[in-house]
PDB file of N, CA and C in Angstrom:
ATOM      1  N   MET A   1      14.054  90.645  48.554  1.00  0.00           N
ATOM      2  CA  MET A   1      14.032  91.794  49.414  1.00  0.00           C
ATOM      3  C   MET A   1      14.399  91.343  50.817  1.00  0.00           C
ATOM      4  N   SER A   2      15.285  92.044  51.467  1.00  0.00           N
ATOM      5  CA  SER A   2      15.674  91.733  52.842  1.00  0.00           C
ATOM      6  C   SER A   2      14.858  92.578  53.806  1.00  0.00           C
ATOM      7  N   LEU A   3      14.222  91.908  54.747  1.00  0.00           N
ATOM      8  CA  LEU A   3      13.422  92.605  55.748  1.00  0.00           C
ATOM      9  C   LEU A   3      13.930  92.242  57.132  1.00  0.00           C
ATOM     10  N   TYR A   4      13.680  93.127  58.086  1.00  0.00           N
ATOM     11  CA  TYR A   4      14.137  92.897  59.448  1.00  0.00           C
ATOM     12  C   TYR A   4      12.992  92.606  60.404  1.00  0.00           C
ATOM     13  N   GLY A   5      11.930  92.002  59.934  1.00  0.00           N
ATOM     14  CA  GLY A   5      10.863  91.612  60.835  1.00  0.00           C
ATOM     15  C   GLY A   5       9.479  91.997  60.344  1.00  0.00           C
ATOM     16  N   LEU A   6       8.494  91.590  61.128  1.00  0.00           N
ATOM     17  CA  LEU A   6       7.097  91.796  60.761  1.00  0.00           C
ATOM     18  C   LEU A   6       6.719  93.270  60.690  1.00  0.00           C
ATOM     19  N   THR A   7       7.256  94.074  61.594  1.00  0.00           N
ATOM     20  CA  THR A   7       6.912  95.495  61.599  1.00  0.00           C
ATOM     21  C   THR A   7       7.355  96.170  60.316  1.00  0.00           C
ATOM     22  N   GLN A   8       8.581  95.895  59.883  1.00  0.00           N
ATOM     23  CA  GLN A   8       9.072  96.490  58.640  1.00  0.00           C
ATOM     24  C   GLN A   8       8.235  96.021  57.448  1.00  0.00           C
ATOM     25  N   LYS A   9       7.839  94.768  57.451  1.00  0.00           N
ATOM     26  CA  LYS A   9       6.997  94.239  56.371  1.00  0.00           C
ATOM     27  C   LYS A   9       5.667  94.986  56.312  1.00  0.00           C
ATOM     28  N   GLU A  10       5.046  95.196  57.464  1.00  0.00           N
ATOM     29  CA  GLU A  10       3.765  95.905  57.512  1.00  0.00           C
ATOM     30  C   GLU A  10       3.912  97.353  57.048  1.00  0.00           C
ATOM     31  N   ILE A  11       4.999  98.006  57.421  1.00  0.00           N
ATOM     32  CA  ILE A  11       5.224  99.394  57.004  1.00  0.00           C
ATOM     33  C   ILE A  11       5.383  99.470  55.490  1.00  0.00           C
ATOM     34  N   ILE A  12       6.161  98.564  54.910  1.00  0.00           N
ATOM     35  CA  ILE A  12       6.366  98.556  53.459  1.00  0.00           C
ATOM     36  C   ILE A  12       5.052  98.286  52.737  1.00  0.00           C
ATOM     37  N   GLN A  13       4.254  97.343  53.231  1.00  0.00           N
ATOM     38  CA  GLN A  13       2.953  97.060  52.614  1.00  0.00           C
ATOM     39  C   GLN A  13       2.064  98.299  52.633  1.00  0.00           C
ATOM     40  N   THR A  14       2.023  98.987  53.763  1.00  0.00           N
ATOM     41  CA  THR A  14       1.193 100.185  53.887  1.00  0.00           C
ATOM     42  C   THR A  14       1.669 101.291  52.952  1.00  0.00           C
ATOM     43  N   LEU A  15       2.979 101.525  52.898  1.00  0.00           N
ATOM     44  CA  LEU A  15       3.514 102.569  52.015  1.00  0.00           C
ATOM     45  C   LEU A  15       3.225 102.268  50.548  1.00  0.00           C
ATOM     46  N   LEU A  16       3.391 101.018  50.139  1.00  0.00           N
ATOM     47  CA  LEU A  16       3.110 100.652  48.748  1.00  0.00           C
ATOM     48  C   LEU A  16       1.645 100.895  48.393  1.00  0.00           C
ATOM     49  N   GLU A  17       0.770 100.555  49.329  1.00  0.00           N
ATOM     50  CA  GLU A  17      -0.660 100.736  49.047  1.00  0.00           C
ATOM     51  C   GLU A  17      -1.056 102.215  49.052  1.00  0.00           C
ATOM     52  N   GLU A  18      -0.571 102.973  50.041  1.00  0.00           N
ATOM     53  CA  GLU A  18      -0.958 104.386  50.144  1.00  0.00           C
ATOM     54  C   GLU A  18      -0.361 105.239  49.027  1.00  0.00           C
ATOM     55  N   ARG A  19       0.908 105.031  48.712  1.00  0.00           N
ATOM     56  CA  ARG A  19       1.586 105.898  47.737  1.00  0.00           C
ATOM     57  C   ARG A  19       1.367 105.486  46.286  1.00  0.00           C
ATOM     58  N   PHE A  20       1.285 104.164  46.051  1.00  0.00           N
ATOM     59  CA  PHE A  20       1.256 103.686  44.671  1.00  0.00           C
ATOM     60  C   PHE A  20       0.026 102.850  44.330  1.00  0.00           C
ATOM     61  N   SER A  21      -0.891 102.684  45.275  1.00  0.00           N
ATOM     62  CA  SER A  21      -2.084 101.844  45.104  1.00  0.00           C
ATOM     63  C   SER A  21      -1.719 100.422  44.684  1.00  0.00           C
ATOM     64  N   VAL A  22      -0.653  99.904  45.277  1.00  0.00           N
ATOM     65  CA  VAL A  22      -0.178  98.545  44.984  1.00  0.00           C
ATOM     66  C   VAL A  22      -0.409  97.687  46.217  1.00  0.00           C
ATOM     67  N   LYS A  23      -1.133  96.589  46.026  1.00  0.00           N
ATOM     68  CA  LYS A  23      -1.329  95.645  47.123  1.00  0.00           C
ATOM     69  C   LYS A  23      -0.190  94.633  47.088  1.00  0.00           C
ATOM     70  N   ALA A  24       0.560  94.556  48.167  1.00  0.00           N
ATOM     71  CA  ALA A  24       1.715  93.660  48.233  1.00  0.00           C
ATOM     72  C   ALA A  24       1.420  92.495  49.165  1.00  0.00           C
ATOM     73  N   HIS A  25       1.980  91.360  48.839  1.00  0.00           N
ATOM     74  CA  HIS A  25       1.868  90.166  49.679  1.00  0.00           C
ATOM     75  C   HIS A  25       3.269  89.606  49.875  1.00  0.00           C
ATOM     76  N   PHE A  26       3.626  89.331  51.108  1.00  0.00           N
ATOM     77  CA  PHE A  26       4.923  88.745  51.418  1.00  0.00           C
ATOM     78  C   PHE A  26       4.717  87.335  51.943  1.00  0.00           C
ATOM     79  N   ASP A  27       5.567  86.411  51.506  1.00  0.00           N
ATOM     80  CA  ASP A  27       5.541  85.066  52.067  1.00  0.00           C
ATOM     81  C   ASP A  27       6.085  85.125  53.484  1.00  0.00           C
ATOM     82  N   GLU A  28       6.022  84.000  54.176  1.00  0.00           N
ATOM     83  CA  GLU A  28       6.527  83.992  55.539  1.00  0.00           C
ATOM     84  C   GLU A  28       8.018  84.339  55.554  1.00  0.00           C
ATOM     85  N   ILE A  29       8.429  84.965  56.636  1.00  0.00           N
ATOM     86  CA  ILE A  29       9.822  85.385  56.768  1.00  0.00           C
ATOM     87  C   ILE A  29      10.675  84.184  57.158  1.00  0.00           C
ATOM     88  N   LYS A  30      11.796  84.006  56.453  1.00  0.00           N
ATOM     89  CA  LYS A  30      12.732  82.924  56.745  1.00  0.00           C
ATOM     90  C   LYS A  30      14.089  83.522  57.089  1.00  0.00           C
ATOM     91  N   THR A  31      14.733  82.970  58.100  1.00  0.00           N
ATOM     92  CA  THR A  31      16.090  83.391  58.440  1.00  0.00           C
ATOM     93  C   THR A  31      17.042  82.718  57.470  1.00  0.00           C
ATOM     94  N   ILE A  32      17.838  83.520  56.756  1.00  0.00           N
ATOM     95  CA  ILE A  32      18.753  82.938  55.775  1.00  0.00           C
ATOM     96  C   ILE A  32      20.183  82.856  56.295  1.00  0.00           C
ATOM     97  N   TYR A  33      20.485  83.579  57.361  1.00  0.00           N
ATOM     98  CA  TYR A  33      21.830  83.538  57.921  1.00  0.00           C
ATOM     99  C   TYR A  33      21.751  83.953  59.378  1.00  0.00           C
ATOM    100  N   LYS A  34      22.417  83.225  60.237  1.00  0.00           N
ATOM    101  CA  LYS A  34      22.438  83.564  61.653  1.00  0.00           C
ATOM    102  C   LYS A  34      23.868  83.424  62.150  1.00  0.00           C
ATOM    103  N   GLU A  35      24.386  84.502  62.729  1.00  0.00           N
ATOM    104  CA  GLU A  35      25.744  84.487  63.244  1.00  0.00           C
ATOM    105  C   GLU A  35      25.717  84.023  64.688  1.00  0.00           C
ATOM    106  N   ARG A  36      26.620  83.108  65.021  1.00  0.00           N
ATOM    107  CA  ARG A  36      26.689  82.588  66.382  1.00  0.00           C
ATOM    108  C   ARG A  36      28.123  82.706  66.898  1.00  0.00           C
ATOM    109  N   PRO A  37      28.283  82.980  68.194  1.00  0.00           N
ATOM    110  CA  PRO A  37      29.637  83.023  68.754  1.00  0.00           C
ATOM    111  C   PRO A  37      30.276  81.638  68.729  1.00  0.00           C
ATOM    112  N   LYS A  38      31.596  81.597  68.535  1.00  0.00           N
ATOM    113  CA  LYS A  38      32.301  80.314  68.511  1.00  0.00           C
ATOM    114  C   LYS A  38      32.514  79.759  69.910  1.00  0.00           C
ATOM    115  N   LYS A  39      32.741  80.659  70.880  1.00  0.00           N
ATOM    116  CA  LYS A  39      32.942  80.203  72.250  1.00  0.00           C
ATOM    117  C   LYS A  39      32.533  81.305  73.222  1.00  0.00           C
ATOM    118  N   LYS A  40      32.382  80.933  74.475  1.00  0.00           N
ATOM    119  CA  LYS A  40      32.016  81.879  75.514  1.00  0.00           C
ATOM    120  C   LYS A  40      33.251  82.688  75.912  1.00  0.00           C
ATOM    121  N   VAL A  41      33.057  83.996  76.102  1.00  0.00           N
ATOM    122  CA  VAL A  41      34.162  84.882  76.457  1.00  0.00           C
ATOM    123  C   VAL A  41      33.726  85.770  77.611  1.00  0.00           C
ATOM    124  N   ASN A  42      34.625  85.969  78.568  1.00  0.00           N
ATOM    125  CA  ASN A  42      34.379  86.893  79.675  1.00  0.00           C
ATOM    126  C   ASN A  42      35.308  88.083  79.523  1.00  0.00           C
ATOM    127  N   LYS A  43      34.788  89.269  79.754  1.00  0.00           N
ATOM    128  CA  LYS A  43      35.581  90.485  79.593  1.00  0.00           C
ATOM    129  C   LYS A  43      35.213  91.445  80.709  1.00  0.00           C
ATOM    130  N   ILE A  44      36.223  92.045  81.330  1.00  0.00           N
ATOM    131  CA  ILE A  44      36.003  93.045  82.373  1.00  0.00           C
ATOM    132  C   ILE A  44      36.537  94.376  81.861  1.00  0.00           C
ATOM    133  N   ILE A  45      35.726  95.411  81.984  1.00  0.00           N
ATOM    134  CA  ILE A  45      36.124  96.746  81.541  1.00  0.00           C
ATOM    135  C   ILE A  45      36.030  97.689  82.737  1.00  0.00           C
ATOM    136  N   HIS A  46      37.116  98.418  82.999  1.00  0.00           N
ATOM    137  CA  HIS A  46      37.118  99.411  84.073  1.00  0.00           C
ATOM    138  C   HIS A  46      36.760 100.771  83.490  1.00  0.00           C
ATOM    139  N   ILE A  47      35.742 101.405  84.060  1.00  0.00           N
ATOM    140  CA  ILE A  47      35.339 102.740  83.632  1.00  0.00           C
ATOM    141  C   ILE A  47      35.571 103.680  84.803  1.00  0.00           C
ATOM    142  N   GLU A  48      36.359 104.708  84.567  1.00  0.00           N
ATOM    143  CA  GLU A  48      36.659 105.656  85.646  1.00  0.00           C
ATOM    144  C   GLU A  48      36.071 107.002  85.367  1.00  0.00           C
TER     145      GLU A  48
END
């Protein structure tokens, strides 16, 4: 299951327990992929 943080994990745990009477346990969250920029870029945008 892909989660986006502790808050989402807590919400899913609460929903499972309230709606289905299921107690869920999640292991610690691990980052499986992180995108990083290849180089620094400067950009100027004119807004009129």
